[in-house]
Every structure is written in C-alpha cells, then in structure tokens.
Amino acid sequence: MLAQVNRITHGSDYKEVVRRGVRVVGPHIVTYLRRSTTALGPDAPARFGFIVAKNVGNAVRRNRVRRRLKAASFLLVGAVPPGTDIVFRALPAANAAEWSELTAEISRGVTNAVTKGHRPR
C-alpha cells in the first residue's frame, strides 16, 4: 500500500498533472507525469494518483482496477525520481487486463514519461 506522502490527494494537484504533464498512452492506461510543484520542490517524494472513471465498469470493477494500479505503483516508488507526480488514468480495457500486462504497461509508461518529462530545458 502506498504511504500518505506518496499519494496525490488534492484535486488541484490532479488537474495540474493531467493538464500540464507529459502524457504516455498505452492500451490499458494513460500515464501523466509532471515535476512536483509542492512546497518541497525537487526533494519531495514521488506521488501517485489514480483516475478510474465509470466507463471502466461498475463500482466493484473500478475498485479492483484502482487497487491493482496502487499495488503496481507501490513497486515503482523507489524507481521514480523524487519530486515527480504521476497520475494513472484507467481506460475501459484495464478491467480485463492481466496483472502482468498491467504492471508491464505501468512500468513502461513511467519509464517513457520520465524520459520525456525530465529532459533538460
């Protein structure tokens, strides 16, 4: 389970990441990444957020997908650079995805987003 410091909890933070972050689209998940704009700046721990809309399925299916996304992101906490905010948006296909597919796609999405999002400016 993700610690409180590793979760995005405010709607404004979600908006900031989704609107101004780097986007990587996969078959089951859309990954958004943005450098953190919190008071701690680049030394802040990596934070994760999850968006699972009603088009994924009923409440049971949405919660299952969200729990799987949280578990997969827990495995990535140490691999993500500090000061990074990441939001995963589940697509309807995420409901039927196997665990191995989901974790591979999340890992690939984060790697691609970090590469795109942390280029020198």
PDB file of N, CA and C in Angstrom:
ATOM      1  N   MET A   1       0.843  -1.181   0.000  1.00  0.00           N
ATOM      2  CA  MET A   1       0.000   0.000   0.000  1.00  0.00           C
ATOM      3  C   MET A   1       0.888   1.244   0.000  1.00  0.00           C
ATOM      4  N   LEU A   2       0.481   2.226  -0.754  1.00  0.00           N
ATOM      5  CA  LEU A   2       1.235   3.474  -0.825  1.00  0.00           C
ATOM      6  C   LEU A   2       1.081   4.271   0.458  1.00  0.00           C
ATOM      7  N   ALA A   3       2.174   4.856   0.920  1.00  0.00           N
ATOM      8  CA  ALA A   3       2.132   5.729   2.091  1.00  0.00           C
ATOM      9  C   ALA A   3       1.427   7.037   1.727  1.00  0.00           C
ATOM     10  N   GLN A   4       0.950   7.747   2.712  1.00  0.00           N
ATOM     11  CA  GLN A   4       0.245   9.010   2.501  1.00  0.00           C
ATOM     12  C   GLN A   4       1.110  10.017   1.732  1.00  0.00           C
ATOM     13  N   VAL A   5       2.411  10.057   2.021  1.00  0.00           N
ATOM     14  CA  VAL A   5       3.296  11.019   1.346  1.00  0.00           C
ATOM     15  C   VAL A   5       3.474  10.683  -0.129  1.00  0.00           C
ATOM     16  N   ASN A   6       3.139   9.475  -0.532  1.00  0.00           N
ATOM     17  CA  ASN A   6       3.287   9.051  -1.921  1.00  0.00           C
ATOM     18  C   ASN A   6       1.972   9.098  -2.697  1.00  0.00           C
ATOM     19  N   ARG A   7       0.958   9.790  -2.154  1.00  0.00           N
ATOM     20  CA  ARG A   7      -0.328   9.876  -2.843  1.00  0.00           C
ATOM     21  C   ARG A   7      -0.688  11.321  -3.143  1.00  0.00           C
ATOM     22  N   ILE A   8      -1.264  11.540  -4.293  1.00  0.00           N
ATOM     23  CA  ILE A   8      -1.818  12.851  -4.636  1.00  0.00           C
ATOM     24  C   ILE A   8      -3.222  12.872  -4.051  1.00  0.00           C
ATOM     25  N   THR A   9      -3.504  13.872  -3.221  1.00  0.00           N
ATOM     26  CA  THR A   9      -4.782  13.882  -2.517  1.00  0.00           C
ATOM     27  C   THR A   9      -5.679  15.062  -2.872  1.00  0.00           C
ATOM     28  N   HIS A  10      -5.158  16.068  -3.546  1.00  0.00           N
ATOM     29  CA  HIS A  10      -5.967  17.252  -3.852  1.00  0.00           C
ATOM     30  C   HIS A  10      -6.319  17.295  -5.337  1.00  0.00           C
ATOM     31  N   GLY A  11      -7.537  17.681  -5.614  1.00  0.00           N
ATOM     32  CA  GLY A  11      -7.999  17.777  -6.990  1.00  0.00           C
ATOM     33  C   GLY A  11      -7.177  18.735  -7.828  1.00  0.00           C
ATOM     34  N   SER A  12      -6.701  19.811  -7.214  1.00  0.00           N
ATOM     35  CA  SER A  12      -5.897  20.784  -7.962  1.00  0.00           C
ATOM     36  C   SER A  12      -4.571  20.165  -8.413  1.00  0.00           C
ATOM     37  N   ASP A  13      -4.021  19.265  -7.608  1.00  0.00           N
ATOM     38  CA  ASP A  13      -2.789  18.580  -7.994  1.00  0.00           C
ATOM     39  C   ASP A  13      -3.037  17.624  -9.163  1.00  0.00           C
ATOM     40  N   TYR A  14      -4.175  16.930  -9.138  1.00  0.00           N
ATOM     41  CA  TYR A  14      -4.546  16.064 -10.259  1.00  0.00           C
ATOM     42  C   TYR A  14      -4.658  16.891 -11.539  1.00  0.00           C
ATOM     43  N   LYS A  15      -5.374  18.013 -11.459  1.00  0.00           N
ATOM     44  CA  LYS A  15      -5.560  18.879 -12.618  1.00  0.00           C
ATOM     45  C   LYS A  15      -4.228  19.343 -13.182  1.00  0.00           C
ATOM     46  N   GLU A  16      -3.337  19.745 -12.303  1.00  0.00           N
ATOM     47  CA  GLU A  16      -2.028  20.248 -12.719  1.00  0.00           C
ATOM     48  C   GLU A  16      -1.247  19.177 -13.488  1.00  0.00           C
ATOM     49  N   VAL A  17      -1.247  17.968 -12.981  1.00  0.00           N
ATOM     50  CA  VAL A  17      -0.502  16.886 -13.627  1.00  0.00           C
ATOM     51  C   VAL A  17      -1.133  16.518 -14.966  1.00  0.00           C
ATOM     52  N   VAL A  18      -2.449  16.394 -15.008  1.00  0.00           N
ATOM     53  CA  VAL A  18      -3.129  15.971 -16.232  1.00  0.00           C
ATOM     54  C   VAL A  18      -3.064  17.062 -17.301  1.00  0.00           C
ATOM     55  N   ARG A  19      -3.211  18.296 -16.924  1.00  0.00           N
ATOM     56  CA  ARG A  19      -3.239  19.378 -17.914  1.00  0.00           C
ATOM     57  C   ARG A  19      -1.852  19.792 -18.399  1.00  0.00           C
ATOM     58  N   ARG A  20      -0.868  19.775 -17.512  1.00  0.00           N
ATOM     59  CA  ARG A  20       0.449  20.295 -17.874  1.00  0.00           C
ATOM     60  C   ARG A  20       1.555  19.247 -17.911  1.00  0.00           C
ATOM     61  N   GLY A  21       1.205  18.010 -17.638  1.00  0.00           N
ATOM     62  CA  GLY A  21       2.209  16.959 -17.584  1.00  0.00           C
ATOM     63  C   GLY A  21       2.439  16.286 -18.926  1.00  0.00           C
ATOM     64  N   VAL A  22       3.463  15.449 -18.945  1.00  0.00           N
ATOM     65  CA  VAL A  22       3.768  14.629 -20.113  1.00  0.00           C
ATOM     66  C   VAL A  22       2.791  13.461 -20.129  1.00  0.00           C
ATOM     67  N   ARG A  23       2.284  13.108 -21.315  1.00  0.00           N
ATOM     68  CA  ARG A  23       1.289  12.036 -21.421  1.00  0.00           C
ATOM     69  C   ARG A  23       1.855  10.883 -22.242  1.00  0.00           C
ATOM     70  N   VAL A  24       1.680   9.680 -21.717  1.00  0.00           N
ATOM     71  CA  VAL A  24       2.053   8.461 -22.438  1.00  0.00           C
ATOM     72  C   VAL A  24       0.823   7.564 -22.458  1.00  0.00           C
ATOM     73  N   VAL A  25       0.383   7.184 -23.669  1.00  0.00           N
ATOM     74  CA  VAL A  25      -0.840   6.392 -23.825  1.00  0.00           C
ATOM     75  C   VAL A  25      -0.482   4.948 -24.112  1.00  0.00           C
ATOM     76  N   GLY A  26      -1.119   4.049 -23.383  1.00  0.00           N
ATOM     77  CA  GLY A  26      -0.975   2.619 -23.601  1.00  0.00           C
ATOM     78  C   GLY A  26      -2.336   2.011 -23.885  1.00  0.00           C
ATOM     79  N   PRO A  27      -2.392   0.704 -24.123  1.00  0.00           N
ATOM     80  CA  PRO A  27      -3.680   0.074 -24.423  1.00  0.00           C
ATOM     81  C   PRO A  27      -4.645   0.028 -23.237  1.00  0.00           C
ATOM     82  N   HIS A  28      -4.135   0.071 -22.000  1.00  0.00           N
ATOM     83  CA  HIS A  28      -4.995  -0.029 -20.821  1.00  0.00           C
ATOM     84  C   HIS A  28      -4.922   1.197 -19.911  1.00  0.00           C
ATOM     85  N   ILE A  29      -3.817   1.921 -19.963  1.00  0.00           N
ATOM     86  CA  ILE A  29      -3.559   3.013 -19.027  1.00  0.00           C
ATOM     87  C   ILE A  29      -3.008   4.223 -19.770  1.00  0.00           C
ATOM     88  N   VAL A  30      -3.425   5.418 -19.338  1.00  0.00           N
ATOM     89  CA  VAL A  30      -2.792   6.655 -19.777  1.00  0.00           C
ATOM     90  C   VAL A  30      -1.992   7.166 -18.580  1.00  0.00           C
ATOM     91  N   THR A  31      -0.706   7.417 -18.791  1.00  0.00           N
ATOM     92  CA  THR A  31       0.183   7.873 -17.723  1.00  0.00           C
ATOM     93  C   THR A  31       0.498   9.346 -17.942  1.00  0.00           C
ATOM     94  N   TYR A  32       0.302  10.138 -16.891  1.00  0.00           N
ATOM     95  CA  TYR A  32       0.652  11.554 -16.911  1.00  0.00           C
ATOM     96  C   TYR A  32       1.755  11.773 -15.887  1.00  0.00           C
ATOM     97  N   LEU A  33       2.772  12.542 -16.248  1.00  0.00           N
ATOM     98  CA  LEU A  33       3.889  12.794 -15.338  1.00  0.00           C
ATOM     99  C   LEU A  33       4.226  14.275 -15.358  1.00  0.00           C
ATOM    100  N   ARG A  34       4.487  14.825 -14.191  1.00  0.00           N
ATOM    101  CA  ARG A  34       4.880  16.230 -14.066  1.00  0.00           C
ATOM    102  C   ARG A  34       5.792  16.362 -12.862  1.00  0.00           C
ATOM    103  N   ARG A  35       6.763  17.236 -12.993  1.00  0.00           N
ATOM    104  CA  ARG A  35       7.606  17.546 -11.836  1.00  0.00           C
ATOM    105  C   ARG A  35       6.736  18.187 -10.773  1.00  0.00           C
ATOM    106  N   SER A  36       6.972  17.853  -9.532  1.00  0.00           N
ATOM    107  CA  SER A  36       6.144  18.316  -8.423  1.00  0.00           C
ATOM    108  C   SER A  36       6.222  19.824  -8.268  1.00  0.00           C
ATOM    109  N   THR A  37       5.082  20.427  -7.958  1.00  0.00           N
ATOM    110  CA  THR A  37       5.025  21.858  -7.706  1.00  0.00           C
ATOM    111  C   THR A  37       4.707  22.137  -6.241  1.00  0.00           C
ATOM    112  N   THR A  38       4.940  21.146  -5.368  1.00  0.00           N
ATOM    113  CA  THR A  38       4.669  21.326  -3.946  1.00  0.00           C
ATOM    114  C   THR A  38       5.751  22.194  -3.319  1.00  0.00           C
ATOM    115  N   ALA A  39       5.544  22.563  -2.077  1.00  0.00           N
ATOM    116  CA  ALA A  39       6.483  23.425  -1.371  1.00  0.00           C
ATOM    117  C   ALA A  39       7.863  22.792  -1.235  1.00  0.00           C
ATOM    118  N   LEU A  40       7.933  21.457  -1.182  1.00  0.00           N
ATOM    119  CA  LEU A  40       9.219  20.787  -1.028  1.00  0.00           C
ATOM    120  C   LEU A  40      10.019  20.761  -2.330  1.00  0.00           C
ATOM    121  N   GLY A  41       9.340  20.983  -3.449  1.00  0.00           N
ATOM    122  CA  GLY A  41      10.021  21.049  -4.740  1.00  0.00           C
ATOM    123  C   GLY A  41      10.657  19.742  -5.157  1.00  0.00           C
ATOM    124  N   PRO A  42      11.904  19.799  -5.662  1.00  0.00           N
ATOM    125  CA  PRO A  42      12.536  18.597  -6.212  1.00  0.00           C
ATOM    126  C   PRO A  42      12.901  17.547  -5.156  1.00  0.00           C
ATOM    127  N   ASP A  43      12.878  17.913  -3.878  1.00  0.00           N
ATOM    128  CA  ASP A  43      13.195  16.949  -2.822  1.00  0.00           C
ATOM    129  C   ASP A  43      11.964  16.218  -2.296  1.00  0.00           C
ATOM    130  N   ALA A  44      10.803  16.558  -2.810  1.00  0.00           N
ATOM    131  CA  ALA A  44       9.563  15.911  -2.368  1.00  0.00           C
ATOM    132  C   ALA A  44       9.547  14.461  -2.834  1.00  0.00           C
ATOM    133  N   PRO A  45       8.929  13.585  -2.082  1.00  0.00           N
ATOM    134  CA  PRO A  45       8.832  12.187  -2.533  1.00  0.00           C
ATOM    135  C   PRO A  45       7.931  12.089  -3.763  1.00  0.00           C
ATOM    136  N   ALA A  46       8.139  11.062  -4.552  1.00  0.00           N
ATOM    137  CA  ALA A  46       7.287  10.818  -5.720  1.00  0.00           C
ATOM    138  C   ALA A  46       5.859  10.561  -5.240  1.00  0.00           C
ATOM    139  N   ARG A  47       4.890  11.131  -5.971  1.00  0.00           N
ATOM    140  CA  ARG A  47       3.483  10.961  -5.597  1.00  0.00           C
ATOM    141  C   ARG A  47       2.713  10.368  -6.763  1.00  0.00           C
ATOM    142  N   PHE A  48       1.727   9.540  -6.438  1.00  0.00           N
ATOM    143  CA  PHE A  48       0.916   8.856  -7.437  1.00  0.00           C
ATOM    144  C   PHE A  48      -0.555   9.181  -7.228  1.00  0.00           C
ATOM    145  N   GLY A  49      -1.288   9.278  -8.340  1.00  0.00           N
ATOM    146  CA  GLY A  49      -2.730   9.476  -8.301  1.00  0.00           C
ATOM    147  C   GLY A  49      -3.390   8.528  -9.290  1.00  0.00           C
ATOM    148  N   PHE A  50      -4.669   8.252  -9.081  1.00  0.00           N
ATOM    149  CA  PHE A  50      -5.373   7.263  -9.891  1.00  0.00           C
ATOM    150  C   PHE A  50      -6.743   7.796 -10.290  1.00  0.00           C
ATOM    151  N   ILE A  51      -7.059   7.686 -11.575  1.00  0.00           N
ATOM    152  CA  ILE A  51      -8.363   8.084 -12.089  1.00  0.00           C
ATOM    153  C   ILE A  51      -8.974   6.853 -12.742  1.00  0.00           C
ATOM    154  N   VAL A  52     -10.098   6.404 -12.188  1.00  0.00           N
ATOM    155  CA  VAL A  52     -10.804   5.246 -12.741  1.00  0.00           C
ATOM    156  C   VAL A  52     -12.263   5.667 -12.898  1.00  0.00           C
ATOM    157  N   ALA A  53     -12.643   6.017 -14.123  1.00  0.00           N
ATOM    158  CA  ALA A  53     -13.979   6.538 -14.407  1.00  0.00           C
ATOM    159  C   ALA A  53     -15.009   5.422 -14.545  1.00  0.00           C
ATOM    160  N   LYS A  54     -16.263   5.820 -14.614  1.00  0.00           N
ATOM    161  CA  LYS A  54     -17.354   4.857 -14.704  1.00  0.00           C
ATOM    162  C   LYS A  54     -17.339   4.033 -15.981  1.00  0.00           C
ATOM    163  N   ASN A  55     -16.644   4.506 -17.017  1.00  0.00           N
ATOM    164  CA  ASN A  55     -16.611   3.727 -18.253  1.00  0.00           C
ATOM    165  C   ASN A  55     -15.768   2.455 -18.114  1.00  0.00           C
ATOM    166  N   VAL A  56     -15.051   2.314 -17.001  1.00  0.00           N
ATOM    167  CA  VAL A  56     -14.262   1.098 -16.739  1.00  0.00           C
ATOM    168  C   VAL A  56     -15.174  -0.041 -16.302  1.00  0.00           C
ATOM    169  N   GLY A  57     -16.255   0.274 -15.634  1.00  0.00           N
ATOM    170  CA  GLY A  57     -17.181  -0.757 -15.181  1.00  0.00           C
ATOM    171  C   GLY A  57     -17.946  -0.309 -13.953  1.00  0.00           C
ATOM    172  N   ASN A  58     -18.622  -1.248 -13.308  1.00  0.00           N
ATOM    173  CA  ASN A  58     -19.361  -0.906 -12.096  1.00  0.00           C
ATOM    174  C   ASN A  58     -18.390  -0.660 -10.935  1.00  0.00           C
ATOM    175  N   ALA A  59     -18.908  -0.340  -9.769  1.00  0.00           N
ATOM    176  CA  ALA A  59     -18.065   0.039  -8.634  1.00  0.00           C
ATOM    177  C   ALA A  59     -17.088  -1.061  -8.235  1.00  0.00           C
ATOM    178  N   VAL A  60     -17.523  -2.291  -8.287  1.00  0.00           N
ATOM    179  CA  VAL A  60     -16.652  -3.410  -7.921  1.00  0.00           C
ATOM    180  C   VAL A  60     -15.462  -3.492  -8.871  1.00  0.00           C
ATOM    181  N   ARG A  61     -15.724  -3.368 -10.147  1.00  0.00           N
ATOM    182  CA  ARG A  61     -14.648  -3.444 -11.150  1.00  0.00           C
ATOM    183  C   ARG A  61     -13.721  -2.236 -11.062  1.00  0.00           C
ATOM    184  N   ARG A  62     -14.297  -1.047 -10.869  1.00  0.00           N
ATOM    185  CA  ARG A  62     -13.465   0.157 -10.743  1.00  0.00           C
ATOM    186  C   ARG A  62     -12.541   0.058  -9.538  1.00  0.00           C
ATOM    187  N   ASN A  63     -13.058  -0.382  -8.416  1.00  0.00           N
ATOM    188  CA  ASN A  63     -12.240  -0.512  -7.213  1.00  0.00           C
ATOM    189  C   ASN A  63     -11.154  -1.568  -7.395  1.00  0.00           C
ATOM    190  N   ARG A  64     -11.477  -2.632  -8.084  1.00  0.00           N
ATOM    191  CA  ARG A  64     -10.473  -3.673  -8.357  1.00  0.00           C
ATOM    192  C   ARG A  64      -9.339  -3.111  -9.211  1.00  0.00           C
ATOM    193  N   VAL A  65      -9.684  -2.374 -10.248  1.00  0.00           N
ATOM    194  CA  VAL A  65      -8.672  -1.760 -11.112  1.00  0.00           C
ATOM    195  C   VAL A  65      -7.833  -0.769 -10.309  1.00  0.00           C
ATOM    196  N   ARG A  66      -8.478   0.062  -9.501  1.00  0.00           N
ATOM    197  CA  ARG A  66      -7.751   1.042  -8.681  1.00  0.00           C
ATOM    198  C   ARG A  66      -6.796   0.354  -7.717  1.00  0.00           C
ATOM    199  N   ARG A  67      -7.228  -0.715  -7.063  1.00  0.00           N
ATOM    200  CA  ARG A  67      -6.354  -1.455  -6.142  1.00  0.00           C
ATOM    201  C   ARG A  67      -5.158  -2.054  -6.879  1.00  0.00           C
ATOM    202  N   ARG A  68      -5.403  -2.573  -8.070  1.00  0.00           N
ATOM    203  CA  ARG A  68      -4.299  -3.144  -8.853  1.00  0.00           C
ATOM    204  C   ARG A  68      -3.313  -2.056  -9.273  1.00  0.00           C
ATOM    205  N   LEU A  69      -3.819  -0.882  -9.653  1.00  0.00           N
ATOM    206  CA  LEU A  69      -2.934   0.225 -10.021  1.00  0.00           C
ATOM    207  C   LEU A  69      -2.102   0.677  -8.829  1.00  0.00           C
ATOM    208  N   LYS A  70      -2.723   0.745  -7.672  1.00  0.00           N
ATOM    209  CA  LYS A  70      -1.989   1.135  -6.455  1.00  0.00           C
ATOM    210  C   LYS A  70      -0.891   0.122  -6.138  1.00  0.00           C
ATOM    211  N   ALA A  71      -1.206  -1.152  -6.237  1.00  0.00           N
ATOM    212  CA  ALA A  71      -0.216  -2.192  -5.936  1.00  0.00           C
ATOM    213  C   ALA A  71       0.938  -2.141  -6.928  1.00  0.00           C
ATOM    214  N   ALA A  72       0.631  -1.929  -8.195  1.00  0.00           N
ATOM    215  CA  ALA A  72       1.684  -1.854  -9.208  1.00  0.00           C
ATOM    216  C   ALA A  72       2.550  -0.615  -9.017  1.00  0.00           C
ATOM    217  N   SER A  73       1.947   0.502  -8.631  1.00  0.00           N
ATOM    218  CA  SER A  73       2.724   1.725  -8.430  1.00  0.00           C
ATOM    219  C   SER A  73       3.588   1.626  -7.174  1.00  0.00           C
ATOM    220  N   PHE A  74       3.144   0.854  -6.194  1.00  0.00           N
ATOM    221  CA  PHE A  74       3.950   0.649  -4.988  1.00  0.00           C
ATOM    222  C   PHE A  74       5.299   0.029  -5.348  1.00  0.00           C
ATOM    223  N   LEU A  75       5.295  -0.826  -6.344  1.00  0.00           N
ATOM    224  CA  LEU A  75       6.533  -1.466  -6.783  1.00  0.00           C
ATOM    225  C   LEU A  75       7.481  -0.476  -7.455  1.00  0.00           C
ATOM    226  N   LEU A  76       6.954   0.665  -7.912  1.00  0.00           N
ATOM    227  CA  LEU A  76       7.762   1.648  -8.627  1.00  0.00           C
ATOM    228  C   LEU A  76       8.228   2.831  -7.783  1.00  0.00           C
ATOM    229  N   VAL A  77       7.815   2.906  -6.533  1.00  0.00           N
ATOM    230  CA  VAL A  77       8.115   4.084  -5.712  1.00  0.00           C
ATOM    231  C   VAL A  77       9.610   4.396  -5.693  1.00  0.00           C
ATOM    232  N   GLY A  78      10.445   3.407  -5.536  1.00  0.00           N
ATOM    233  CA  GLY A  78      11.883   3.642  -5.476  1.00  0.00           C
ATOM    234  C   GLY A  78      12.515   3.966  -6.819  1.00  0.00           C
ATOM    235  N   ALA A  79      11.848   3.594  -7.914  1.00  0.00           N
ATOM    236  CA  ALA A  79      12.419   3.798  -9.251  1.00  0.00           C
ATOM    237  C   ALA A  79      12.076   5.163  -9.839  1.00  0.00           C
ATOM    238  N   VAL A  80      11.105   5.853  -9.266  1.00  0.00           N
ATOM    239  CA  VAL A  80      10.681   7.151  -9.780  1.00  0.00           C
ATOM    240  C   VAL A  80      11.513   8.247  -9.114  1.00  0.00           C
ATOM    241  N   PRO A  81      12.021   9.199  -9.902  1.00  0.00           N
ATOM    242  CA  PRO A  81      12.827  10.273  -9.316  1.00  0.00           C
ATOM    243  C   PRO A  81      12.027  11.097  -8.303  1.00  0.00           C
ATOM    244  N   PRO A  82      12.681  11.569  -7.238  1.00  0.00           N
ATOM    245  CA  PRO A  82      11.988  12.426  -6.261  1.00  0.00           C
ATOM    246  C   PRO A  82      11.455  13.690  -6.938  1.00  0.00           C
ATOM    247  N   GLY A  83      10.391  14.228  -6.390  1.00  0.00           N
ATOM    248  CA  GLY A  83       9.818  15.450  -6.928  1.00  0.00           C
ATOM    249  C   GLY A  83       8.979  15.229  -8.176  1.00  0.00           C
ATOM    250  N   THR A  84       8.479  14.020  -8.366  1.00  0.00           N
ATOM    251  CA  THR A  84       7.690  13.678  -9.544  1.00  0.00           C
ATOM    252  C   THR A  84       6.275  13.311  -9.126  1.00  0.00           C
ATOM    253  N   ASP A  85       5.303  13.854  -9.847  1.00  0.00           N
ATOM    254  CA  ASP A  85       3.901  13.475  -9.651  1.00  0.00           C
ATOM    255  C   ASP A  85       3.459  12.667 -10.859  1.00  0.00           C
ATOM    256  N   ILE A  86       2.808  11.534 -10.612  1.00  0.00           N
ATOM    257  CA  ILE A  86       2.344  10.656 -11.685  1.00  0.00           C
ATOM    258  C   ILE A  86       0.871  10.342 -11.454  1.00  0.00           C
ATOM    259  N   VAL A  87       0.079  10.471 -12.511  1.00  0.00           N
ATOM    260  CA  VAL A  87      -1.337  10.113 -12.456  1.00  0.00           C
ATOM    261  C   VAL A  87      -1.583   9.038 -13.501  1.00  0.00           C
ATOM    262  N   PHE A  88      -2.248   7.964 -13.093  1.00  0.00           N
ATOM    263  CA  PHE A  88      -2.646   6.892 -13.993  1.00  0.00           C
ATOM    264  C   PHE A  88      -4.146   7.005 -14.224  1.00  0.00           C
ATOM    265  N   ARG A  89      -4.555   7.060 -15.497  1.00  0.00           N
ATOM    266  CA  ARG A  89      -5.972   7.057 -15.842  1.00  0.00           C
ATOM    267  C   ARG A  89      -6.275   5.741 -16.522  1.00  0.00           C
ATOM    268  N   ALA A  90      -7.164   4.957 -15.926  1.00  0.00           N
ATOM    269  CA  ALA A  90      -7.509   3.642 -16.464  1.00  0.00           C
ATOM    270  C   ALA A  90      -8.469   3.800 -17.634  1.00  0.00           C
ATOM    271  N   LEU A  91      -8.186   3.082 -18.696  1.00  0.00           N
ATOM    272  CA  LEU A  91      -9.086   3.006 -19.839  1.00  0.00           C
ATOM    273  C   LEU A  91     -10.001   1.794 -19.644  1.00  0.00           C
ATOM    274  N   PRO A  92     -11.122   1.722 -20.352  1.00  0.00           N
ATOM    275  CA  PRO A  92     -12.045   0.593 -20.163  1.00  0.00           C
ATOM    276  C   PRO A  92     -11.381  -0.779 -20.313  1.00  0.00           C
ATOM    277  N   ALA A  93     -10.359  -0.890 -21.129  1.00  0.00           N
ATOM    278  CA  ALA A  93      -9.683  -2.179 -21.328  1.00  0.00           C
ATOM    279  C   ALA A  93      -8.913  -2.634 -20.094  1.00  0.00           C
ATOM    280  N   ALA A  94      -8.645  -1.731 -19.162  1.00  0.00           N
ATOM    281  CA  ALA A  94      -7.901  -2.091 -17.950  1.00  0.00           C
ATOM    282  C   ALA A  94      -8.661  -3.106 -17.107  1.00  0.00           C
ATOM    283  N   ASN A  95      -9.956  -3.106 -17.233  1.00  0.00           N
ATOM    284  CA  ASN A  95     -10.789  -4.026 -16.462  1.00  0.00           C
ATOM    285  C   ASN A  95     -10.471  -5.487 -16.780  1.00  0.00           C
ATOM    286  N   ALA A  96     -10.148  -5.770 -18.029  1.00  0.00           N
ATOM    287  CA  ALA A  96      -9.899  -7.152 -18.458  1.00  0.00           C
ATOM    288  C   ALA A  96      -8.414  -7.490 -18.543  1.00  0.00           C
ATOM    289  N   ALA A  97      -7.548  -6.549 -18.199  1.00  0.00           N
ATOM    290  CA  ALA A  97      -6.102  -6.761 -18.337  1.00  0.00           C
ATOM    291  C   ALA A  97      -5.575  -7.718 -17.268  1.00  0.00           C
ATOM    292  N   GLU A  98      -4.627  -8.540 -17.653  1.00  0.00           N
ATOM    293  CA  GLU A  98      -3.944  -9.421 -16.713  1.00  0.00           C
ATOM    294  C   GLU A  98      -2.983  -8.596 -15.856  1.00  0.00           C
ATOM    295  N   TRP A  99      -2.669  -9.109 -14.670  1.00  0.00           N
ATOM    296  CA  TRP A  99      -1.764  -8.421 -13.752  1.00  0.00           C
ATOM    297  C   TRP A  99      -0.416  -8.151 -14.411  1.00  0.00           C
ATOM    298  N   SER A 100       0.138  -9.120 -15.107  1.00  0.00           N
ATOM    299  CA  SER A 100       1.447  -8.956 -15.743  1.00  0.00           C
ATOM    300  C   SER A 100       1.403  -7.878 -16.830  1.00  0.00           C
ATOM    301  N   GLU A 101       0.314  -7.827 -17.579  1.00  0.00           N
ATOM    302  CA  GLU A 101       0.161  -6.791 -18.603  1.00  0.00           C
ATOM    303  C   GLU A 101       0.099  -5.406 -17.971  1.00  0.00           C
ATOM    304  N   LEU A 102      -0.671  -5.308 -16.897  1.00  0.00           N
ATOM    305  CA  LEU A 102      -0.857  -4.028 -16.223  1.00  0.00           C
ATOM    306  C   LEU A 102       0.447  -3.508 -15.630  1.00  0.00           C
ATOM    307  N   THR A 103       1.169  -4.366 -14.933  1.00  0.00           N
ATOM    308  CA  THR A 103       2.430  -3.925 -14.327  1.00  0.00           C
ATOM    309  C   THR A 103       3.463  -3.568 -15.394  1.00  0.00           C
ATOM    310  N   ALA A 104       3.522  -4.346 -16.463  1.00  0.00           N
ATOM    311  CA  ALA A 104       4.471  -4.043 -17.543  1.00  0.00           C
ATOM    312  C   ALA A 104       4.120  -2.713 -18.201  1.00  0.00           C
ATOM    313  N   GLU A 105       2.840  -2.473 -18.429  1.00  0.00           N
ATOM    314  CA  GLU A 105       2.432  -1.225 -19.069  1.00  0.00           C
ATOM    315  C   GLU A 105       2.686  -0.019 -18.171  1.00  0.00           C
ATOM    316  N   ILE A 106       2.438  -0.166 -16.881  1.00  0.00           N
ATOM    317  CA  ILE A 106       2.701   0.932 -15.948  1.00  0.00           C
ATOM    318  C   ILE A 106       4.191   1.236 -15.896  1.00  0.00           C
ATOM    319  N   SER A 107       4.981   0.216 -15.805  1.00  0.00           N
ATOM    320  CA  SER A 107       6.432   0.397 -15.762  1.00  0.00           C
ATOM    321  C   SER A 107       6.937   1.058 -17.041  1.00  0.00           C
ATOM    322  N   ARG A 108       6.455   0.586 -18.178  1.00  0.00           N
ATOM    323  CA  ARG A 108       6.854   1.148 -19.467  1.00  0.00           C
ATOM    324  C   ARG A 108       6.387   2.601 -19.587  1.00  0.00           C
ATOM    325  N   GLY A 109       5.164   2.871 -19.159  1.00  0.00           N
ATOM    326  CA  GLY A 109       4.622   4.225 -19.222  1.00  0.00           C
ATOM    327  C   GLY A 109       5.395   5.201 -18.358  1.00  0.00           C
ATOM    328  N   VAL A 110       5.745   4.771 -17.149  1.00  0.00           N
ATOM    329  CA  VAL A 110       6.512   5.640 -16.255  1.00  0.00           C
ATOM    330  C   VAL A 110       7.907   5.885 -16.817  1.00  0.00           C
ATOM    331  N   THR A 111       8.543   4.842 -17.316  1.00  0.00           N
ATOM    332  CA  THR A 111       9.881   4.991 -17.899  1.00  0.00           C
ATOM    333  C   THR A 111       9.855   5.969 -19.069  1.00  0.00           C
ATOM    334  N   ASN A 112       8.886   5.809 -19.969  1.00  0.00           N
ATOM    335  CA  ASN A 112       8.773   6.710 -21.113  1.00  0.00           C
ATOM    336  C   ASN A 112       8.458   8.141 -20.685  1.00  0.00           C
ATOM    337  N   ALA A 113       7.569   8.285 -19.718  1.00  0.00           N
ATOM    338  CA  ALA A 113       7.201   9.626 -19.256  1.00  0.00           C
ATOM    339  C   ALA A 113       8.366  10.305 -18.551  1.00  0.00           C
ATOM    340  N   VAL A 114       9.118   9.549 -17.737  1.00  0.00           N
ATOM    341  CA  VAL A 114      10.274  10.138 -17.063  1.00  0.00           C
ATOM    342  C   VAL A 114      11.306  10.588 -18.082  1.00  0.00           C
ATOM    343  N   THR A 115      11.516   9.777 -19.115  1.00  0.00           N
ATOM    344  CA  THR A 115      12.459  10.134 -20.163  1.00  0.00           C
ATOM    345  C   THR A 115      12.017  11.410 -20.881  1.00  0.00           C
ATOM    346  N   LYS A 116      10.724  11.506 -21.208  1.00  0.00           N
ATOM    347  CA  LYS A 116      10.204  12.701 -21.885  1.00  0.00           C
ATOM    348  C   LYS A 116      10.163  13.915 -20.952  1.00  0.00           C
ATOM    349  N   GLY A 117       9.718  13.685 -19.706  1.00  0.00           N
ATOM    350  CA  GLY A 117       9.453  14.783 -18.795  1.00  0.00           C
ATOM    351  C   GLY A 117      10.655  15.359 -18.085  1.00  0.00           C
ATOM    352  N   HIS A 118      11.764  14.648 -18.054  1.00  0.00           N
ATOM    353  CA  HIS A 118      12.922  15.134 -17.316  1.00  0.00           C
ATOM    354  C   HIS A 118      14.089  15.494 -18.229  1.00  0.00           C
ATOM    355  N   ARG A 119      13.766  15.891 -19.445  1.00  0.00           N
ATOM    356  CA  ARG A 119      14.817  16.379 -20.342  1.00  0.00           C
ATOM    357  C   ARG A 119      15.254  17.760 -19.856  1.00  0.00           C
ATOM    358  N   PRO A 120      16.515  18.110 -20.042  1.00  0.00           N
ATOM    359  CA  PRO A 120      16.946  19.464 -19.665  1.00  0.00           C
ATOM    360  C   PRO A 120      16.212  20.497 -20.513  1.00  0.00           C
ATOM    361  N   ARG A 121      15.829  21.584 -19.876  1.00  0.00           N
ATOM    362  CA  ARG A 121      15.072  22.618 -20.595  1.00  0.00           C
ATOM    363  C   ARG A 121      15.912  23.829 -20.837  1.00  0.00           C
TER     364      ARG A 121
END
